Amino acid sequence: MYAFNLIGATAGSVFTGFVLLPLMGAQRTLVLLSFVNVLAAGMLWYRSDALRSLRTAAGVTAVIIPITVFMPPNMLGLLFT
């Protein structure tokens, strides 16, 4: 289990540093990886029986975040100022 964690952490760091950052820039990479975290949380909520009421909130969040990821940079700057 620890070996898989180590391999995943190493691969994620290398992929982020050498692919995502040069390709998308720091701000968009941060937004994209935040979306991935929210998506993972949404999947866990969806599979959880205790938190069924949060499925709608997770779905709305999963729709809104990609809009910010693929938004033109000048519009993204307006959101964060």
N, C-alpha and C. Protein backbone atom coordinates (compact mmCIF):
# COMPACT_ATOMS: atom_id res chain seq x y z
N MET A 1 0.82 -1.18 0.00
CA MET A 1 0.00 0.00 0.00
C MET A 1 0.88 1.26 0.00
N TYR A 2 1.90 1.27 0.83
CA TYR A 2 2.77 2.44 0.89
C TYR A 2 3.53 2.63 -0.43
N ALA A 3 3.85 1.53 -1.08
CA ALA A 3 4.57 1.63 -2.35
C ALA A 3 3.70 2.30 -3.40
N PHE A 4 2.41 1.95 -3.45
CA PHE A 4 1.51 2.59 -4.41
C PHE A 4 1.34 4.07 -4.11
N ASN A 5 1.29 4.41 -2.81
CA ASN A 5 1.20 5.81 -2.42
C ASN A 5 2.44 6.58 -2.87
N LEU A 6 3.60 5.99 -2.68
CA LEU A 6 4.85 6.63 -3.08
C LEU A 6 4.93 6.80 -4.60
N ILE A 7 4.55 5.77 -5.34
CA ILE A 7 4.57 5.84 -6.81
C ILE A 7 3.59 6.90 -7.31
N GLY A 8 2.40 6.94 -6.74
CA GLY A 8 1.40 7.93 -7.14
C GLY A 8 1.83 9.35 -6.82
N ALA A 9 2.41 9.55 -5.65
CA ALA A 9 2.87 10.89 -5.27
C ALA A 9 4.01 11.35 -6.17
N THR A 10 4.92 10.45 -6.49
CA THR A 10 6.04 10.80 -7.36
C THR A 10 5.56 11.10 -8.77
N ALA A 11 4.71 10.24 -9.31
CA ALA A 11 4.18 10.44 -10.66
C ALA A 11 3.37 11.73 -10.75
N GLY A 12 2.57 12.03 -9.72
CA GLY A 12 1.79 13.26 -9.72
C GLY A 12 2.65 14.50 -9.68
N SER A 13 3.70 14.45 -8.90
CA SER A 13 4.61 15.61 -8.82
C SER A 13 5.34 15.84 -10.14
N VAL A 14 5.82 14.75 -10.73
CA VAL A 14 6.54 14.87 -12.01
C VAL A 14 5.59 15.36 -13.10
N PHE A 15 4.39 14.80 -13.16
CA PHE A 15 3.42 15.20 -14.18
C PHE A 15 3.02 16.67 -14.02
N THR A 16 2.81 17.08 -12.78
CA THR A 16 2.44 18.47 -12.53
C THR A 16 3.57 19.42 -12.89
N GLY A 17 4.78 19.10 -12.46
CA GLY A 17 5.91 19.99 -12.68
C GLY A 17 6.36 20.08 -14.12
N PHE A 18 6.31 18.98 -14.85
CA PHE A 18 6.86 18.96 -16.20
C PHE A 18 5.81 19.04 -17.30
N VAL A 19 4.54 18.79 -16.98
CA VAL A 19 3.50 18.82 -18.01
C VAL A 19 2.47 19.91 -17.75
N LEU A 20 1.81 19.86 -16.60
CA LEU A 20 0.71 20.79 -16.34
C LEU A 20 1.17 22.24 -16.19
N LEU A 21 2.19 22.48 -15.39
CA LEU A 21 2.64 23.86 -15.18
C LEU A 21 3.12 24.53 -16.46
N PRO A 22 3.96 23.90 -17.27
CA PRO A 22 4.35 24.56 -18.53
C PRO A 22 3.19 24.70 -19.51
N LEU A 23 2.27 23.75 -19.49
CA LEU A 23 1.17 23.75 -20.45
C LEU A 23 0.07 24.74 -20.07
N MET A 24 -0.29 24.80 -18.79
CA MET A 24 -1.45 25.57 -18.36
C MET A 24 -1.11 26.79 -17.50
N GLY A 25 0.05 26.82 -16.91
CA GLY A 25 0.39 27.89 -16.00
C GLY A 25 -0.02 27.53 -14.57
N ALA A 26 0.48 28.29 -13.62
CA ALA A 26 0.28 27.97 -12.21
C ALA A 26 -1.17 28.13 -11.77
N GLN A 27 -1.81 29.23 -12.18
CA GLN A 27 -3.16 29.49 -11.69
C GLN A 27 -4.16 28.47 -12.24
N ARG A 28 -4.09 28.18 -13.52
CA ARG A 28 -5.02 27.20 -14.10
C ARG A 28 -4.74 25.80 -13.59
N THR A 29 -3.47 25.47 -13.36
CA THR A 29 -3.14 24.17 -12.79
C THR A 29 -3.74 24.03 -11.40
N LEU A 30 -3.66 25.08 -10.60
CA LEU A 30 -4.24 25.06 -9.27
C LEU A 30 -5.74 24.86 -9.33
N VAL A 31 -6.40 25.56 -10.24
CA VAL A 31 -7.85 25.42 -10.38
C VAL A 31 -8.20 24.01 -10.85
N LEU A 32 -7.45 23.50 -11.81
CA LEU A 32 -7.71 22.15 -12.32
C LEU A 32 -7.55 21.10 -11.23
N LEU A 33 -6.48 21.18 -10.48
CA LEU A 33 -6.25 20.19 -9.43
C LEU A 33 -7.24 20.35 -8.28
N SER A 34 -7.71 21.56 -8.05
CA SER A 34 -8.79 21.76 -7.08
C SER A 34 -10.06 21.08 -7.56
N PHE A 35 -10.33 21.19 -8.85
CA PHE A 35 -11.48 20.51 -9.43
C PHE A 35 -11.37 19.01 -9.26
N VAL A 36 -10.19 18.47 -9.47
CA VAL A 36 -9.99 17.02 -9.31
C VAL A 36 -10.28 16.61 -7.87
N ASN A 37 -9.84 17.41 -6.90
CA ASN A 37 -10.13 17.11 -5.50
C ASN A 37 -11.62 17.17 -5.21
N VAL A 38 -12.30 18.19 -5.74
CA VAL A 38 -13.75 18.30 -5.52
C VAL A 38 -14.48 17.15 -6.19
N LEU A 39 -14.03 16.76 -7.37
CA LEU A 39 -14.63 15.62 -8.06
C LEU A 39 -14.46 14.34 -7.26
N ALA A 40 -13.28 14.12 -6.71
CA ALA A 40 -13.05 12.94 -5.87
C ALA A 40 -13.96 12.97 -4.63
N ALA A 41 -14.09 14.13 -4.02
CA ALA A 41 -14.99 14.25 -2.87
C ALA A 41 -16.43 13.99 -3.29
N GLY A 42 -16.82 14.49 -4.45
CA GLY A 42 -18.17 14.25 -4.95
C GLY A 42 -18.44 12.77 -5.19
N MET A 43 -17.45 12.07 -5.71
CA MET A 43 -17.62 10.63 -5.93
C MET A 43 -17.77 9.89 -4.60
N LEU A 44 -17.02 10.32 -3.59
CA LEU A 44 -17.16 9.68 -2.29
C LEU A 44 -18.53 9.98 -1.67
N TRP A 45 -19.01 11.21 -1.82
CA TRP A 45 -20.35 11.55 -1.33
C TRP A 45 -21.41 10.73 -2.04
N TYR A 46 -21.25 10.57 -3.32
CA TYR A 46 -22.24 9.84 -4.10
C TYR A 46 -22.32 8.39 -3.64
N ARG A 47 -21.20 7.82 -3.31
CA ARG A 47 -21.17 6.43 -2.88
C ARG A 47 -21.57 6.26 -1.42
N SER A 48 -21.61 7.33 -0.68
CA SER A 48 -21.95 7.27 0.74
C SER A 48 -23.47 7.28 0.92
N ASP A 49 -23.97 6.43 1.76
CA ASP A 49 -25.40 6.40 2.04
C ASP A 49 -25.80 7.48 3.05
N ALA A 50 -24.87 7.87 3.90
CA ALA A 50 -25.18 8.82 4.96
C ALA A 50 -25.36 10.25 4.43
N LEU A 51 -24.77 10.57 3.30
CA LEU A 51 -24.78 11.95 2.82
C LEU A 51 -25.53 12.08 1.49
N ARG A 52 -26.67 11.46 1.35
CA ARG A 52 -27.40 11.50 0.08
C ARG A 52 -27.84 12.90 -0.30
N SER A 53 -28.15 13.74 0.66
CA SER A 53 -28.63 15.09 0.34
C SER A 53 -27.53 15.96 -0.28
N LEU A 54 -26.28 15.58 -0.12
CA LEU A 54 -25.20 16.37 -0.67
C LEU A 54 -24.88 16.01 -2.12
N ARG A 55 -25.54 15.01 -2.68
CA ARG A 55 -25.28 14.63 -4.06
C ARG A 55 -25.59 15.77 -5.02
N THR A 56 -26.65 16.49 -4.77
CA THR A 56 -27.00 17.61 -5.63
C THR A 56 -25.94 18.70 -5.55
N ALA A 57 -25.48 19.00 -4.36
CA ALA A 57 -24.44 20.02 -4.20
C ALA A 57 -23.16 19.60 -4.89
N ALA A 58 -22.81 18.33 -4.79
CA ALA A 58 -21.61 17.85 -5.47
C ALA A 58 -21.77 17.93 -6.98
N GLY A 59 -22.97 17.64 -7.48
CA GLY A 59 -23.21 17.74 -8.92
C GLY A 59 -23.11 19.16 -9.43
N VAL A 60 -23.67 20.10 -8.69
CA VAL A 60 -23.58 21.51 -9.08
C VAL A 60 -22.14 21.97 -9.06
N THR A 61 -21.40 21.58 -8.05
CA THR A 61 -19.99 21.94 -7.95
C THR A 61 -19.19 21.35 -9.10
N ALA A 62 -19.51 20.11 -9.47
CA ALA A 62 -18.80 19.46 -10.57
C ALA A 62 -19.09 20.13 -11.90
N VAL A 63 -20.17 20.87 -12.01
CA VAL A 63 -20.47 21.61 -13.25
C VAL A 63 -19.82 22.99 -13.23
N ILE A 64 -19.80 23.65 -12.10
CA ILE A 64 -19.30 25.02 -12.02
C ILE A 64 -17.78 25.09 -12.12
N ILE A 65 -17.07 24.18 -11.50
CA ILE A 65 -15.61 24.27 -11.47
C ILE A 65 -14.98 24.15 -12.86
N PRO A 66 -15.43 23.24 -13.74
CA PRO A 66 -14.82 23.21 -15.08
C PRO A 66 -15.01 24.50 -15.86
N ILE A 67 -16.08 25.21 -15.58
CA ILE A 67 -16.28 26.50 -16.24
C ILE A 67 -15.14 27.45 -15.89
N THR A 68 -14.71 27.44 -14.63
CA THR A 68 -13.61 28.31 -14.25
C THR A 68 -12.28 27.82 -14.80
N VAL A 69 -12.14 26.51 -15.00
CA VAL A 69 -10.89 25.97 -15.53
C VAL A 69 -10.69 26.39 -16.98
N PHE A 70 -11.75 26.33 -17.77
CA PHE A 70 -11.63 26.60 -19.20
C PHE A 70 -12.01 28.03 -19.58
N MET A 71 -12.18 28.88 -18.58
CA MET A 71 -12.49 30.28 -18.81
C MET A 71 -11.25 31.01 -19.33
N PRO A 72 -11.42 31.99 -20.21
CA PRO A 72 -10.26 32.76 -20.68
C PRO A 72 -9.53 33.41 -19.50
N PRO A 73 -8.19 33.55 -19.62
CA PRO A 73 -7.40 34.07 -18.49
C PRO A 73 -7.85 35.44 -17.99
N ASN A 74 -8.26 36.33 -18.90
CA ASN A 74 -8.68 37.65 -18.41
C ASN A 74 -9.95 37.58 -17.58
N MET A 75 -10.86 36.66 -17.89
CA MET A 75 -12.05 36.49 -17.08
C MET A 75 -11.72 35.83 -15.74
N LEU A 76 -10.75 34.90 -15.76
CA LEU A 76 -10.33 34.24 -14.53
C LEU A 76 -9.71 35.26 -13.58
N GLY A 77 -8.96 36.22 -14.12
CA GLY A 77 -8.38 37.27 -13.29
C GLY A 77 -9.44 38.14 -12.63
N LEU A 78 -10.54 38.37 -13.31
CA LEU A 78 -11.62 39.16 -12.72
C LEU A 78 -12.26 38.44 -11.53
N LEU A 79 -12.31 37.12 -11.59
CA LEU A 79 -12.91 36.36 -10.49
C LEU A 79 -12.06 36.40 -9.23
N PHE A 80 -10.74 36.45 -9.39
CA PHE A 80 -9.86 36.36 -8.23
C PHE A 80 -9.32 37.71 -7.78
N THR A 81 -9.85 38.81 -8.25
CA THR A 81 -9.39 40.12 -7.80
C THR A 81 -10.39 40.75 -6.86
